[in-house]
Protein backbone atom coordinates (compact mmCIF):
# COMPACT_ATOMS: atom_id res chain seq x y z
CA UNK A 1 10.96 105.74 -61.74
CA UNK A 2 14.06 104.98 -63.90
CA UNK A 3 14.20 105.80 -67.34
CA UNK A 4 12.04 104.09 -69.75
CA UNK A 5 15.02 103.39 -72.02
CA UNK A 6 18.90 104.20 -71.85
CA UNK A 7 20.13 107.69 -71.57
CA UNK A 8 22.94 109.08 -73.09
CA UNK A 9 25.95 110.79 -71.33
CA UNK A 10 24.89 113.57 -73.15
CA UNK A 11 21.22 113.55 -71.94
CA UNK A 12 22.36 112.95 -68.10
CA UNK A 13 24.33 116.43 -68.60
CA UNK A 14 21.87 118.30 -70.29
CA UNK A 15 18.94 116.77 -67.73
CA UNK A 16 21.48 118.68 -64.92
CA UNK A 17 22.23 122.03 -66.57
CA UNK A 18 18.42 123.47 -65.87
CA UNK A 19 18.97 122.99 -62.16
CA UNK A 20 21.47 126.12 -62.32
CA UNK A 21 18.45 128.31 -63.04
CA UNK A 22 16.62 127.57 -59.65
CA UNK A 23 19.96 127.13 -57.63
CA UNK A 24 21.87 130.86 -59.00
CA UNK A 25 17.92 132.75 -58.13
CA UNK A 26 18.28 130.76 -54.90
CA UNK A 27 21.54 132.61 -53.38
CA UNK A 28 19.98 135.30 -52.27
CA UNK A 29 18.36 133.42 -49.85
CA UNK A 30 21.89 132.02 -48.43
CA UNK A 31 23.13 135.28 -48.11
CA UNK A 32 22.30 135.03 -43.98
CA UNK A 33 24.18 131.52 -44.20
CA UNK A 34 27.07 133.16 -46.27
CA UNK A 35 27.61 135.97 -43.85
CA UNK A 36 27.56 133.55 -40.69
CA UNK A 37 29.88 130.65 -42.29
CA UNK A 38 32.10 132.32 -44.82
CA UNK A 39 33.88 129.12 -45.68
CA UNK A 40 30.35 128.01 -46.82
CA UNK A 41 30.77 130.17 -50.04
CA UNK A 42 33.40 127.64 -51.45
CA UNK A 43 30.03 126.58 -52.87
CA UNK A 44 29.72 129.40 -55.26
CA UNK A 45 33.34 129.08 -56.57
CA UNK A 46 32.14 126.68 -59.24
CA UNK A 47 29.24 128.45 -59.93
CA UNK A 48 30.87 131.91 -60.58
CA UNK A 49 30.80 131.93 -64.26
CA UNK A 50 27.22 131.05 -64.35
CA UNK A 51 26.50 134.00 -61.31
CA UNK A 52 28.80 136.40 -63.62
CA UNK A 53 26.95 135.75 -66.41
CA UNK A 54 23.42 135.65 -64.97
CA UNK A 55 24.90 139.52 -63.85
CA UNK A 56 26.21 140.63 -66.97
CA UNK A 57 23.18 140.36 -68.72
CA UNK A 58 20.25 141.94 -68.07
CA UNK A 59 16.94 139.89 -67.54
CA UNK A 60 19.14 136.68 -68.16
CA UNK A 61 17.21 134.37 -65.38
CA UNK A 62 13.63 135.64 -67.22
CA UNK A 63 15.41 134.69 -70.66
CA UNK A 64 16.63 131.38 -69.69
CA UNK A 65 13.16 130.88 -68.17
CA UNK A 66 11.75 131.17 -71.07
CA UNK A 67 14.02 129.54 -73.19
CA UNK A 68 13.98 126.30 -71.35
CA UNK A 69 10.27 126.58 -71.55
CA UNK A 70 9.59 127.32 -75.14
CA UNK A 71 13.22 125.90 -76.81
CA UNK A 72 13.41 122.42 -74.47
CA UNK A 73 10.15 121.92 -72.80
CA UNK A 74 7.83 122.16 -75.62
CA UNK A 75 10.17 120.70 -77.88
CA UNK A 76 9.29 116.77 -78.26
CA UNK A 77 12.16 116.01 -80.74
CA UNK A 78 14.51 116.10 -77.18
CA UNK A 79 14.26 113.47 -75.15
CA UNK A 80 12.07 113.04 -72.20
CA UNK A 81 14.39 112.60 -69.68
CA UNK A 82 15.89 116.43 -70.11
CA UNK A 83 12.54 117.78 -70.66
CA UNK A 84 11.21 116.51 -67.45
CA UNK A 85 14.05 117.92 -65.89
CA UNK A 86 13.77 121.05 -67.53
CA UNK A 87 10.42 121.32 -66.29
CA UNK A 88 11.32 120.29 -63.08
CA UNK A 89 13.60 123.25 -62.57
CA UNK A 90 11.21 125.77 -63.80
CA UNK A 91 8.72 125.01 -61.47
CA UNK A 92 11.42 124.86 -58.55
CA UNK A 93 12.15 128.23 -59.79
CA UNK A 94 8.23 129.28 -59.77
CA UNK A 95 8.16 128.25 -56.02
CA UNK A 96 11.13 130.19 -55.17
CA UNK A 97 9.47 133.27 -56.74
CA UNK A 98 6.81 132.57 -54.70
CA UNK A 99 8.42 132.41 -51.32
CA UNK A 100 10.34 135.41 -52.43
CA UNK A 101 7.13 137.38 -53.04
CA UNK A 102 5.46 135.92 -49.82
CA UNK A 103 8.43 136.84 -47.93
CA UNK A 104 8.61 140.44 -49.15
CA UNK A 105 4.82 141.04 -47.85
CA UNK A 106 5.40 139.24 -44.90
CA UNK A 107 8.74 139.95 -43.60
CA UNK A 108 7.67 143.73 -42.50
CA UNK A 109 5.88 142.17 -39.40
CA UNK A 110 8.75 139.64 -38.40
CA UNK A 111 11.82 139.94 -36.96
CA UNK A 112 14.58 139.62 -38.54
CA UNK A 113 15.48 136.59 -36.68
CA UNK A 114 12.33 135.02 -38.09
CA UNK A 115 13.22 136.33 -41.75
CA UNK A 116 16.60 134.97 -41.47
CA UNK A 117 15.62 131.53 -40.40
CA UNK A 118 12.91 131.36 -43.27
CA UNK A 119 15.41 132.31 -45.59
CA UNK A 120 18.14 129.90 -44.38
CA UNK A 121 15.51 127.18 -44.63
CA UNK A 122 14.54 127.91 -48.06
CA UNK A 123 18.04 127.96 -49.29
CA UNK A 124 19.24 124.60 -47.34
CA UNK A 125 15.85 123.05 -48.84
CA UNK A 126 16.93 124.14 -52.68
CA UNK A 127 20.30 122.75 -52.27
CA UNK A 128 19.43 119.61 -51.20
CA UNK A 129 17.02 119.44 -53.81
CA UNK A 130 19.78 120.69 -56.39
CA UNK A 131 22.13 118.13 -54.92
CA UNK A 132 19.30 115.22 -54.96
CA UNK A 133 17.66 115.89 -58.49
CA UNK A 134 21.45 116.70 -60.34
CA UNK A 135 22.52 112.88 -58.36
CA UNK A 136 19.58 111.37 -59.62
CA UNK A 137 19.95 113.00 -63.16
CA UNK A 138 23.68 111.93 -63.65
CA UNK A 139 22.31 108.19 -62.57
CA UNK A 140 19.69 108.04 -65.31
CA UNK A 141 16.69 108.45 -63.04
CA UNK A 142 14.03 110.94 -62.38
CA UNK A 143 14.43 113.05 -59.64
CA UNK A 144 11.05 112.52 -57.91
CA UNK A 145 10.36 115.40 -55.91
CA UNK A 146 7.17 114.94 -54.14
CA UNK A 147 4.39 117.29 -55.33
CA UNK A 148 6.56 118.74 -58.34
CA UNK A 149 7.52 115.55 -60.32
CA UNK A 150 3.54 114.48 -60.47
CA UNK A 151 3.02 118.23 -61.60
CA UNK A 152 5.70 117.86 -64.12
CA UNK A 153 4.32 114.73 -65.34
CA UNK A 154 1.06 116.55 -66.40
CA UNK A 155 2.90 119.16 -68.58
CA UNK A 156 5.58 116.96 -70.14
CA UNK A 157 4.35 114.24 -71.94
């Protein structure tokens, strides 16, 4: 779905920023890939200031999570495009949290190979989703992610 009006460059940039939250939180799933393919860690270089900031502030991810929800998504003075993308980033983050909980519970009975494979799959899926959502936001279009976007449309009016 394309934007129902025009999106400014400012709106497009601000619509991309919330996706940093699930990306930074999902880096833990990429640890196996980064260890096996060290050049892949070059994708972390542009993220290093954000990673350092999140590491320096206790509960930074939680603060950003609730800040996005209460200050951006529930603020109807902010454009629908930005609020939609912020909510979609929050839902991606919730999915990552649930994946971490489930993986933590079931990983005790699984081989290391299976845990690594699941973690790699989660990370690569997250990375693909991040790239897609950011490219669509830069283009001024809604990033339609199956299952998630429908839930976002129900939450953000």
